[in-house]
Protein backbone atom coordinates (compact mmCIF):
# COMPACT_ATOMS: atom_id res chain seq x y z
CA UNK A 1 0.00 0.00 0.00
CA UNK A 2 2.78 2.37 0.90
CA UNK A 3 4.47 1.53 -2.37
CA UNK A 4 1.38 2.37 -4.45
CA UNK A 5 0.95 5.73 -2.67
CA UNK A 6 4.54 6.66 -3.49
CA UNK A 7 4.07 5.60 -7.11
CA UNK A 8 0.88 7.62 -7.36
CA UNK A 9 2.57 10.72 -5.94
CA UNK A 10 5.46 10.36 -8.35
CA UNK A 11 3.08 10.23 -11.30
CA UNK A 12 1.75 13.73 -10.53
CA UNK A 13 3.51 16.27 -12.74
CA UNK A 14 5.52 18.98 -10.92
CA UNK A 15 3.43 21.77 -12.53
CA UNK A 16 0.33 20.51 -10.67
CA UNK A 17 1.82 20.80 -7.17
CA UNK A 18 1.18 24.57 -6.77
CA UNK A 19 -2.49 24.05 -7.69
CA UNK A 20 -2.74 21.07 -5.33
CA UNK A 21 -1.20 23.17 -2.54
CA UNK A 22 -3.68 26.04 -3.14
CA UNK A 23 -6.63 23.63 -3.19
CA UNK A 24 -5.39 21.99 0.01
CA UNK A 25 -5.11 25.37 1.76
CA UNK A 26 -8.60 26.39 0.60
CA UNK A 27 -10.04 23.08 1.81
CA UNK A 28 -8.37 23.44 5.20
CA UNK A 29 -9.60 27.05 5.53
CA UNK A 30 -13.18 26.02 4.67
CA UNK A 31 -13.01 23.16 7.20
CA UNK A 32 -11.69 25.57 9.85
CA UNK A 33 -14.47 28.07 9.19
CA UNK A 34 -17.08 25.31 9.31
CA UNK A 35 -15.68 24.03 12.60
CA UNK A 36 -15.57 27.54 14.12
CA UNK A 37 -19.19 28.24 13.06
CA UNK A 38 -20.36 24.92 14.48
CA UNK A 39 -18.71 25.62 17.82
CA UNK A 40 -20.13 29.16 17.83
CA UNK A 41 -23.67 27.91 17.14
CA UNK A 42 -23.42 25.32 19.91
CA UNK A 43 -22.13 27.91 22.42
CA UNK A 44 -24.79 30.42 21.37
CA UNK A 45 -27.56 27.84 21.70
CA UNK A 46 -26.27 26.85 25.12
CA UNK A 47 -25.98 30.51 26.25
CA UNK A 48 -29.52 31.27 25.04
CA UNK A 49 -30.87 28.09 26.59
CA UNK A 50 -32.14 26.89 23.22
CA UNK A 51 -32.67 23.27 22.40
CA UNK A 52 -32.56 21.71 18.97
CA UNK A 53 -35.93 21.01 17.37
CA UNK A 54 -35.43 17.26 17.41
CA UNK A 55 -34.65 17.27 21.18
CA UNK A 56 -38.00 18.75 22.29
CA UNK A 57 -40.80 16.72 23.77
CA UNK A 58 -44.52 17.29 23.32
CA UNK A 59 -46.33 18.84 26.31
CA UNK A 60 -50.11 18.82 25.94
CA UNK A 61 -50.71 20.75 29.18
CA UNK A 62 -48.80 23.88 28.11
CA UNK A 63 -50.99 26.90 27.35
CA UNK A 64 -49.93 30.39 26.32
CA UNK A 65 -50.38 33.33 28.71
CA UNK A 66 -52.66 35.28 26.36
CA UNK A 67 -55.52 32.87 27.01
CA UNK A 68 -55.91 34.28 30.54
CA UNK A 69 -57.45 37.79 30.28
CA UNK A 70 -56.72 40.38 32.98
CA UNK A 71 -60.03 42.27 32.95
CA UNK A 72 -58.77 45.18 35.09
CA UNK A 73 -55.72 45.81 32.90
CA UNK A 74 -57.91 45.48 29.81
CA UNK A 75 -60.37 48.11 31.09
CA UNK A 76 -57.50 50.49 31.93
CA UNK A 77 -56.00 50.01 28.47
CA UNK A 78 -59.37 50.73 26.84
CA UNK A 79 -59.73 53.90 28.95
CA UNK A 80 -56.21 55.07 27.95
CA UNK A 81 -57.02 54.35 24.30
CA UNK A 82 -60.23 56.40 24.51
CA UNK A 83 -58.34 59.34 26.05
CA UNK A 84 -55.71 59.13 23.34
CA UNK A 85 -58.40 58.95 20.64
CA UNK A 86 -60.09 62.08 22.02
CA UNK A 87 -56.76 63.93 22.05
CA UNK A 88 -56.16 62.92 18.42
CA UNK A 89 -59.68 64.07 17.46
CA UNK A 90 -59.06 67.46 19.13
CA UNK A 91 -55.74 67.86 17.33
CA UNK A 92 -57.32 66.93 13.97
CA UNK A 93 -60.12 69.46 14.54
CA UNK A 94 -57.60 72.20 15.38
CA UNK A 95 -55.55 71.38 12.27
CA UNK A 96 -58.69 71.46 10.11
CA UNK A 97 -59.66 74.88 11.54
CA UNK A 98 -56.13 76.19 10.94
CA UNK A 99 -56.19 74.88 7.36
CA UNK A 100 -59.57 76.49 6.65
CA UNK A 101 -58.30 79.75 8.12
CA UNK A 102 -55.11 79.58 6.02
CA UNK A 103 -57.06 78.79 2.85
CA UNK A 104 -59.55 81.59 3.39
CA UNK A 105 -56.83 84.24 3.74
CA UNK A 106 -55.60 85.69 0.43
CA UNK A 107 -52.42 83.99 -0.62
CA UNK A 108 -50.94 87.04 -2.29
CA UNK A 109 -51.30 90.66 -1.56
CA UNK A 110 -52.52 92.73 -4.50
CA UNK A 111 -49.80 94.34 -6.56
CA UNK A 112 -48.97 97.94 -5.83
CA UNK A 113 -48.70 100.58 -8.55
CA UNK A 114 -44.89 100.56 -8.28
CA UNK A 115 -44.78 96.77 -8.69
CA UNK A 116 -46.97 96.96 -11.80
CA UNK A 117 -44.77 99.68 -13.30
CA UNK A 118 -41.65 97.63 -12.48
CA UNK A 119 -43.16 94.60 -14.19
CA UNK A 120 -44.05 96.65 -17.27
CA UNK A 121 -40.56 98.19 -17.42
CA UNK A 122 -38.99 94.75 -17.11
CA UNK A 123 -41.13 93.45 -19.95
CA UNK A 124 -40.27 96.42 -22.19
CA UNK A 125 -36.58 96.07 -21.38
CA UNK A 126 -36.69 92.35 -22.17
CA UNK A 127 -38.35 92.99 -25.53
CA UNK A 128 -35.82 95.75 -26.28
CA UNK A 129 -32.96 93.41 -25.36
CA UNK A 130 -34.32 90.65 -27.57
CA UNK A 131 -34.80 93.07 -30.48
CA UNK A 132 -31.29 94.51 -30.12
CA UNK A 133 -29.73 91.05 -29.88
CA UNK A 134 -31.48 89.87 -33.04
CA UNK A 135 -30.62 92.98 -35.05
CA UNK A 136 -27.01 93.12 -33.95
CA UNK A 137 -26.62 89.42 -34.67
CA UNK A 138 -27.94 89.83 -38.20
CA UNK A 139 -25.79 92.88 -39.00
CA UNK A 140 -22.52 91.72 -37.46
CA UNK A 141 -22.20 88.06 -38.46
CA UNK A 142 -19.55 88.68 -41.08
CA UNK A 143 -17.60 91.09 -38.89
CA UNK A 144 -17.66 88.62 -35.99
CA UNK A 145 -16.27 85.90 -38.24
CA UNK A 146 -13.24 88.07 -38.93
CA UNK A 147 -12.82 88.90 -35.22
CA UNK A 148 -12.88 85.23 -34.17
CA UNK A 149 -9.80 84.52 -36.21
CA UNK A 150 -7.83 87.55 -35.04
CA UNK A 151 -8.73 88.08 -31.34
CA UNK A 152 -8.67 86.16 -28.07
CA UNK A 153 -11.84 85.49 -26.05
CA UNK A 154 -11.28 88.45 -23.71
CA UNK A 155 -10.59 90.79 -26.64
CA UNK A 156 -13.78 89.61 -28.35
CA UNK A 157 -15.87 90.28 -25.22
CA UNK A 158 -14.37 93.76 -24.79
CA UNK A 159 -15.00 94.62 -28.45
CA UNK A 160 -18.63 93.43 -28.17
CA UNK A 161 -19.16 95.61 -25.10
CA UNK A 162 -17.52 98.60 -26.79
CA UNK A 163 -19.50 98.13 -30.03
CA UNK A 164 -22.87 97.61 -28.31
CA UNK A 165 -22.92 99.45 -24.98
CA UNK A 166 -26.70 99.97 -24.80
CA UNK A 167 -27.77 96.31 -25.23
CA UNK A 168 -25.04 95.18 -22.82
CA UNK A 169 -26.12 97.77 -20.25
CA UNK A 170 -29.76 96.73 -20.61
CA UNK A 171 -28.86 93.05 -20.17
CA UNK A 172 -26.71 93.75 -17.12
CA UNK A 173 -29.46 95.93 -15.62
CA UNK A 174 -32.08 93.20 -16.13
CA UNK A 175 -29.80 90.57 -14.61
CA UNK A 176 -29.08 92.69 -11.53
CA UNK A 177 -32.76 93.59 -11.13
CA UNK A 178 -33.77 89.94 -11.32
CA UNK A 179 -31.11 88.89 -8.80
CA UNK A 180 -32.17 91.68 -6.45
CA UNK A 181 -35.87 90.82 -6.64
CA UNK A 182 -35.23 87.09 -6.36
CA UNK A 183 -32.92 87.08 -3.37
CA UNK A 184 -33.25 90.36 -1.50
CA UNK A 185 -36.95 91.18 -1.92
CA UNK A 186 -38.08 87.68 -0.87
CA UNK A 187 -35.77 87.81 2.17
CA UNK A 188 -37.39 91.09 3.28
CA UNK A 189 -40.91 89.67 2.83
CA UNK A 190 -40.08 86.52 4.83
CA UNK A 191 -38.21 88.37 7.59
């Protein structure tokens, strides 16, 4: 027998030994993990005073505690539930009254004369800006093509501002007005 084992081991090619060693190590690690988990489960079951399912015996006299009703505790629990229900009903009624009151109040105040004028001026300035952008785009396409080849991005922006100061000023004014009304006017209304 010992002779056949030696012959069998000698027949294994040397290239296979690293794979055999890796597989042996993996098998030993898996066996170690399995053994550790088994011991852990046994200790845990013992610490929790649990018994395996197959070790239990049938007890026909055992009855759960919920079959015995404590009438006094039940009555007290019902009374506490009724008090809680009344408190919830009162809170719901108060919330409904507050919601009706909030819905009946006007959501927005009517616009003042100054706000209407500001809205009209903004609209006119926006239309003027759109008109000036369209017209300047149509008339300066060929000139811009020449500038793109000769100037840097900063030089192009400066030349656009210098060539069209009114549309740029209108655009900047609209942007600042919108930022001011968006962030500073709403903060004053909320505060």
